[in-house]
Protein backbone atom coordinates (compact mmCIF):
# COMPACT_ATOMS: atom_id res chain seq x y z
CA MET A 1 97.33 134.07 105.92
CA ASP A 2 98.48 131.29 103.58
CA THR A 3 99.00 127.88 105.14
CA LEU A 4 102.67 126.97 105.44
CA LEU A 5 103.42 123.83 103.46
CA ALA A 6 105.68 120.99 104.51
CA LEU A 7 105.68 119.81 100.91
CA GLN A 8 104.24 120.80 97.57
CA ALA A 9 104.33 118.61 94.47
CA ARG A 10 103.18 119.69 91.02
CA GLY A 11 103.03 117.47 87.96
CA ILE A 12 105.31 114.79 89.39
CA THR A 13 105.96 112.03 86.84
CA LYS A 14 108.15 108.97 87.29
CA CYS A 15 108.66 106.10 84.86
CA PHE A 16 110.49 102.78 85.05
CA GLY A 17 111.06 101.79 81.46
CA ASP A 18 107.66 101.64 79.80
CA VAL A 19 105.81 101.65 83.13
CA ILE A 20 104.43 105.00 84.31
CA ALA A 21 104.61 104.79 88.09
CA LEU A 22 103.46 108.37 88.72
CA ASP A 23 101.52 110.42 86.19
CA SER A 24 101.40 114.21 86.81
CA VAL A 25 100.78 113.92 90.56
CA ASP A 26 99.96 117.03 92.59
CA LEU A 27 100.17 116.95 96.39
CA ASP A 28 100.06 119.56 99.15
CA VAL A 29 100.78 118.75 102.80
CA ALA A 30 100.62 121.53 105.36
CA GLN A 31 102.86 121.82 108.38
CA GLY A 32 101.14 120.19 111.34
CA GLN A 33 98.93 118.05 109.08
CA ILE A 34 98.69 114.25 108.90
CA HIS A 35 97.98 113.41 105.28
CA GLY A 36 96.92 109.92 104.24
CA LEU A 37 98.05 108.24 101.03
CA VAL A 38 95.95 105.27 99.91
CA GLY A 39 95.49 103.24 96.76
CA PRO A 40 95.45 99.70 95.38
CA ASN A 41 98.62 97.66 95.06
CA GLY A 42 100.70 99.12 92.25
CA ALA A 43 99.06 102.55 92.49
CA GLY A 44 102.40 104.36 92.93
CA LYS A 45 102.36 104.98 96.68
CA THR A 46 105.81 103.52 97.32
CA THR A 47 107.26 105.44 94.39
CA LEU A 48 105.89 108.71 95.72
CA LEU A 49 107.10 108.07 99.27
CA GLY A 50 110.54 107.24 97.91
CA LEU A 51 110.67 110.57 96.08
CA LEU A 52 109.74 112.44 99.25
CA LEU A 53 112.55 110.70 101.15
CA GLY A 54 115.12 111.40 98.44
CA LEU A 55 115.47 107.72 97.55
CA ALA A 56 114.58 108.45 93.92
CA VAL A 57 114.23 111.47 91.63
CA ALA A 58 111.21 112.42 89.54
CA ASP A 59 111.55 112.48 85.76
CA SER A 60 109.54 115.70 85.55
CA GLY A 61 107.49 118.06 87.69
CA ARG A 62 108.30 120.32 90.61
CA LEU A 63 108.82 119.16 94.20
CA GLU A 64 109.38 121.50 97.15
CA ILE A 65 110.03 120.11 100.63
CA LEU A 66 110.15 122.43 103.65
CA GLY A 67 110.36 125.36 101.26
CA THR A 68 113.33 123.98 99.31
CA ARG A 69 113.21 122.82 95.70
CA VAL A 70 114.45 119.23 95.39
CA GLY A 71 115.18 117.03 92.41
CA ARG A 72 117.99 116.04 90.11
CA GLY A 73 121.12 117.81 91.30
CA LEU A 74 119.20 119.52 94.12
CA ALA A 75 119.76 118.12 97.61
CA ALA A 76 116.80 117.61 99.90
CA PRO A 77 116.75 119.73 103.06
CA ASP A 78 117.43 118.55 106.58
CA GLY A 79 114.39 117.71 108.63
CA VAL A 80 112.92 114.87 106.54
CA ALA A 81 112.77 111.33 107.92
CA GLY A 82 110.84 108.11 107.62
CA PHE A 83 110.88 104.71 105.98
CA VAL A 84 109.47 102.88 102.98
CA ASP A 85 108.66 99.16 102.91
CA GLY A 86 109.61 98.77 106.56
CA PRO A 87 112.50 100.27 108.50
CA GLY A 88 116.08 99.24 107.80
CA LEU A 89 117.42 97.64 110.99
CA TYR A 90 120.47 95.65 112.08
CA PRO A 91 119.00 92.39 113.44
CA SER A 92 122.10 91.46 115.47
CA LEU A 93 122.07 94.77 117.37
CA THR A 94 119.82 95.76 120.23
CA ALA A 95 117.20 98.47 119.84
CA ARG A 96 119.50 100.96 121.61
CA GLN A 97 122.51 99.93 119.51
CA ASN A 98 120.48 100.27 116.30
CA LEU A 99 119.62 103.86 117.16
CA ALA A 100 123.19 104.63 118.22
CA ALA A 101 124.51 103.27 114.91
CA LEU A 102 122.01 105.31 112.92
CA ALA A 103 122.81 108.45 114.86
CA THR A 104 126.53 107.95 114.18
CA LEU A 105 125.89 107.37 110.47
CA ARG A 106 124.03 110.66 110.35
CA GLY A 107 126.93 112.49 111.95
CA HIS A 108 125.49 112.85 115.44
CA ASP A 109 126.99 111.98 118.79
CA ALA A 110 125.12 108.90 119.99
CA ARG A 111 125.61 109.98 123.60
CA THR A 112 123.57 113.15 123.06
CA ALA A 113 121.18 111.96 120.34
CA GLY A 114 118.22 111.46 122.68
CA ILE A 115 118.07 107.69 122.18
CA ASP A 116 116.47 106.91 125.52
CA ALA A 117 113.88 109.64 124.99
CA VAL A 118 112.70 108.32 121.60
CA LEU A 119 112.67 104.71 122.84
CA ASP A 120 110.39 105.84 125.64
CA GLU A 121 108.24 107.84 123.24
CA VAL A 122 107.48 104.79 121.09
CA GLY A 123 107.08 102.46 124.07
CA LEU A 124 110.24 100.35 123.69
CA THR A 125 112.10 101.22 126.88
CA ASP A 126 111.57 97.76 128.37
CA VAL A 127 113.18 96.05 125.33
CA ALA A 128 115.87 98.64 124.65
CA ASP A 129 118.63 96.10 125.21
CA ASP A 130 117.01 93.21 123.32
CA ARG A 131 118.28 92.27 119.88
CA ALA A 132 116.11 93.41 116.98
CA ARG A 133 116.09 89.94 115.41
CA GLY A 134 113.69 88.82 118.13
CA PHE A 135 111.28 91.71 117.63
CA SER A 136 107.78 91.23 116.29
CA LEU A 137 106.73 93.12 113.16
CA GLY A 138 104.97 95.73 115.27
CA MET A 139 108.04 96.25 117.47
CA ARG A 140 110.21 96.69 114.38
CA GLN A 141 107.80 99.30 113.09
CA ARG A 142 108.02 101.19 116.37
CA LEU A 143 111.80 100.99 116.34
CA GLY A 144 111.76 102.39 112.82
CA LEU A 145 109.60 105.25 114.04
CA ALA A 146 112.06 105.86 116.88
CA ALA A 147 114.89 106.04 114.33
CA ALA A 148 112.98 108.67 112.37
CA LEU A 149 112.28 110.68 115.52
CA LEU A 150 116.00 110.91 116.31
CA THR A 151 116.31 113.60 113.63
CA ARG A 152 113.46 115.68 115.09
CA PRO A 153 111.83 115.77 111.66
CA ARG A 154 109.69 118.57 110.28
CA LEU A 155 108.37 116.18 107.62
CA LEU A 156 107.80 112.54 108.54
CA VAL A 157 107.13 110.01 105.76
CA LEU A 158 105.87 106.59 106.86
CA ASP A 159 104.84 103.45 104.99
CA GLU A 160 102.28 101.35 106.93
CA PRO A 161 103.39 102.61 110.37
CA ALA A 162 100.74 100.54 112.20
CA ASN A 163 101.56 97.32 110.36
CA GLY A 164 101.74 94.42 112.82
CA LEU A 165 100.66 96.48 115.83
CA ASP A 166 98.11 95.23 118.34
CA PRO A 167 95.34 97.66 119.44
CA ALA A 168 97.43 99.03 122.32
CA GLY A 169 100.45 99.54 120.07
CA THR A 170 98.30 101.19 117.42
CA ARG A 171 96.87 103.61 119.98
CA HIS A 172 100.39 104.40 121.20
CA VAL A 173 101.71 105.15 117.70
CA HIS A 174 98.62 107.21 116.89
CA GLY A 175 99.34 109.29 119.97
CA VAL A 176 102.95 109.85 118.90
CA LEU A 177 101.93 111.01 115.42
CA THR A 178 99.15 113.23 116.73
CA ARG A 179 101.55 114.96 119.14
CA LEU A 180 104.11 115.48 116.37
CA ALA A 181 101.49 117.09 114.15
CA ALA A 182 100.28 119.27 117.01
CA ASN A 183 103.85 120.56 117.32
CA GLY A 184 104.02 121.47 113.63
CA THR A 185 105.47 118.37 111.96
CA GLY A 186 103.93 117.44 108.62
CA VAL A 187 103.21 113.71 108.32
CA VAL A 188 102.58 111.68 105.19
CA LEU A 189 101.55 108.10 105.82
CA SER A 190 100.59 105.33 103.47
CA SER A 191 98.26 102.66 104.78
CA HIS A 192 95.89 99.95 103.61
CA ARG A 193 94.04 100.29 106.92
CA MET A 194 91.21 102.73 106.34
CA ASP A 195 90.46 102.92 110.06
CA ASP A 196 93.98 104.23 110.72
CA VAL A 197 93.65 106.83 107.96
CA GLU A 198 90.26 107.99 109.22
CA ALA A 199 91.47 108.15 112.83
CA LEU A 200 94.61 110.15 112.06
CA CYS A 201 94.31 112.09 108.83
CA SER A 202 92.58 115.38 108.13
CA GLU A 203 93.19 115.01 104.39
CA VAL A 204 93.74 112.08 102.07
CA THR A 205 95.06 111.46 98.57
CA ILE A 206 93.84 108.41 96.66
CA LEU A 207 96.09 107.09 93.89
CA ALA A 208 95.20 104.63 91.14
CA THR A 209 97.66 103.52 88.43
CA GLY A 210 99.90 106.46 89.24
CA ARG A 211 97.22 109.13 89.01
CA VAL A 212 95.45 111.15 91.70
CA VAL A 213 91.75 110.29 91.67
CA PHE A 214 90.95 112.30 94.80
CA SER A 215 92.81 114.67 97.11
CA GLY A 216 91.28 116.74 99.86
CA PRO A 217 89.61 116.70 103.28
CA LEU A 218 87.95 113.51 104.45
CA GLY A 219 84.75 115.45 104.98
CA LYS A 220 84.67 116.41 101.32
CA LEU A 221 85.22 112.80 100.32
CA ALA A 222 82.25 111.72 102.42
CA ALA A 223 80.10 114.52 101.01
CA GLU A 224 80.94 113.58 97.42
CA ASN A 225 80.13 109.94 98.03
CA ARG A 226 76.70 109.25 96.56
CA GLU A 227 75.32 106.50 98.74
CA LEU A 228 76.37 104.38 101.70
CA ASP A 229 75.10 101.08 103.06
CA TYR A 230 73.88 101.29 106.66
CA ARG A 231 73.24 98.53 109.17
CA LEU A 232 70.13 99.03 111.31
CA LEU A 233 69.08 96.97 114.32
CA THR A 234 65.56 97.74 115.52
CA SER A 235 62.95 96.41 117.93
CA ASP A 236 60.60 95.54 115.04
CA PRO A 237 62.56 94.30 112.00
CA HIS A 238 59.45 93.44 109.97
CA THR A 239 57.89 96.92 110.25
CA ALA A 240 61.29 98.58 109.80
CA ARG A 241 61.75 96.72 106.51
CA ARG A 242 58.32 97.81 105.32
CA LEU A 243 58.98 101.45 106.23
CA ALA A 244 62.35 101.33 104.46
CA ALA A 245 60.64 100.05 101.29
CA GLU A 246 58.13 102.92 101.53
CA THR A 247 60.76 105.66 102.00
CA ASP A 248 61.89 107.46 98.86
CA GLY A 249 65.62 107.16 98.21
CA VAL A 250 66.07 104.12 100.48
CA ARG A 251 66.75 100.62 99.15
CA THR A 252 67.02 97.49 101.22
CA VAL A 253 70.13 95.41 100.58
CA ASP A 254 70.35 91.66 101.04
CA ASP A 255 73.32 91.14 103.32
CA VAL A 256 75.05 88.05 104.61
CA GLU A 257 74.54 89.30 108.18
CA ARG A 258 70.79 88.69 107.86
CA ARG A 259 71.42 84.96 107.57
CA TYR A 260 72.75 84.96 111.13
CA ASP A 261 70.68 87.78 112.59
CA PRO A 262 67.26 88.27 110.99
CA GLY A 263 66.81 91.42 113.06
CA VAL A 264 69.44 93.25 111.00
CA LEU A 265 68.29 95.53 108.19
CA VAL A 266 70.80 96.85 105.66
CA VAL A 267 69.74 99.83 103.56
CA ARG A 268 71.45 101.92 100.90
CA ALA A 269 70.69 105.65 100.94
CA LEU A 270 71.89 109.22 100.93
CA VAL A 271 71.98 110.87 104.34
CA PRO A 272 68.75 112.92 103.84
CA ALA A 273 66.82 109.77 102.89
CA LEU A 274 68.28 107.90 105.85
CA ASP A 275 67.21 110.74 108.13
CA GLU A 276 63.66 110.41 106.82
CA LEU A 277 63.66 106.67 107.51
CA VAL A 278 64.86 107.26 111.07
CA ARG A 279 62.08 109.83 111.55
CA ARG A 280 59.50 107.30 110.37
CA LEU A 281 60.87 104.59 112.65
CA VAL A 282 60.66 106.89 115.67
CA HIS A 283 57.15 108.02 114.71
CA ALA A 284 56.06 104.37 114.52
CA GLY A 285 57.42 103.74 118.02
CA ILE A 286 60.22 101.46 116.82
CA ALA A 287 63.41 101.52 118.90
CA LEU A 288 66.59 102.04 116.87
CA ARG A 289 69.24 100.07 118.72
CA GLU A 290 72.06 100.37 116.21
CA LEU A 291 72.77 102.50 113.16
CA ALA A 292 76.20 102.37 111.53
CA PRO A 293 77.69 102.35 108.04
CA VAL A 294 78.56 98.87 106.81
CA ALA A 295 81.75 100.36 105.36
CA SER A 296 83.27 103.73 106.19
CA PRO A 297 82.86 106.65 103.76
CA LEU A 298 86.58 106.43 102.99
CA GLU A 299 86.46 102.72 102.23
CA THR A 300 83.34 103.11 100.10
CA ALA A 301 84.81 106.00 98.15
CA PHE A 302 88.13 104.17 97.79
CA LEU A 303 86.41 101.18 96.20
CA SER A 304 84.24 103.37 94.00
CA LEU A 305 87.13 105.49 92.74
CA THR A 306 89.60 102.66 92.14
CA GLU A 307 87.52 99.65 91.08
CA SER A 308 87.85 100.46 87.38
CA PHE A 309 91.65 100.42 87.49
CA ILE A 310 93.65 97.28 86.84
CA GLU A 311 96.26 96.41 89.48
CA GLN A 312 99.87 96.79 88.39
CA PRO A 313 101.80 94.98 91.15
CA THR A 314 105.14 95.31 89.38
CA VAL A 315 105.26 99.09 89.61
CA GLU A 316 106.04 99.37 93.30
CA GLY A 317 108.33 96.35 93.24
CA GLN A 318 110.37 97.95 90.46
CA GLN A 319 110.65 101.15 92.43
CA GLU A 320 111.66 99.37 95.60
CA SER A 321 114.49 97.55 93.83
CA ARG A 322 115.93 100.89 92.76
CA THR A 323 115.77 102.76 96.06
CA GLU A 324 117.83 100.83 98.60
CA PRO A 325 118.12 101.52 101.42
CA GLN A 326 114.47 101.93 102.32
CA GLU A 327 115.00 104.04 105.44
CA ALA A 328 116.03 107.66 105.34
CA GLY A 329 116.56 110.57 107.66
CA ARG A 330 118.37 113.81 107.29
């Protein structure tokens, strides 16, 4: 049976004057999937999120959201919510009053909109009657998420949802998004934090200068990555270094960590070659106390796929100036 899609984009192109913000972008996000969107500054992430929220219209291409064609003259369906470049809040109102105002603007009765429930879901019950102007960045992000949840979205579009959150807040938001996906909501999130993307997303799209340079499962991204740097801590660093030099496909890498811990060995290898090195270490009676990638497969692939592109920081700023307000929910 075909996977039901929360959104499907084909050949999406968007220009601002002579600047091509998006260049023939394809994107599929299944219902119940958390899909990561990453890329350098100016890659077109904000532009794409704005299109998904109906804050802008593509110049060409086909966009279907929740089974409905959207675009110029075609209204987006109900069930889409989220924010771009931070949630739009009223600083002089309390968290509860902000949600009540948003519910009223969307044509709902604030008394039955489930405000207390969503405040509890994002962990803001204790500050529900505090004014938003005193909120930290992380608290504002959670209030923005609560505003999106008021609509009971079937597609949730979020820009840096964990921005400003401490570890406990991050874990809380991750739990909210995971539960939404488990109940069938499609989620698209943009983030510069690779750990968040790896923790939450089953698939990822990498953009560079408006073009898709990779889109697919994280596992495929790791498999396509040629080599990774690994940090090894052993009981016999000298012998471990010698064995690494003698193992085909393994190269030792001078790393700043060695200046502070001479017991650390950093090697660059494919997984099969690394497995052979580990086998040799065990055979030589050397204890392997730590083995971990220096950078995650996603971060390594991100740098490899985007390093040849020149940053275009004006692209996203131009889009943002044309898409006020930056919060949406239908």
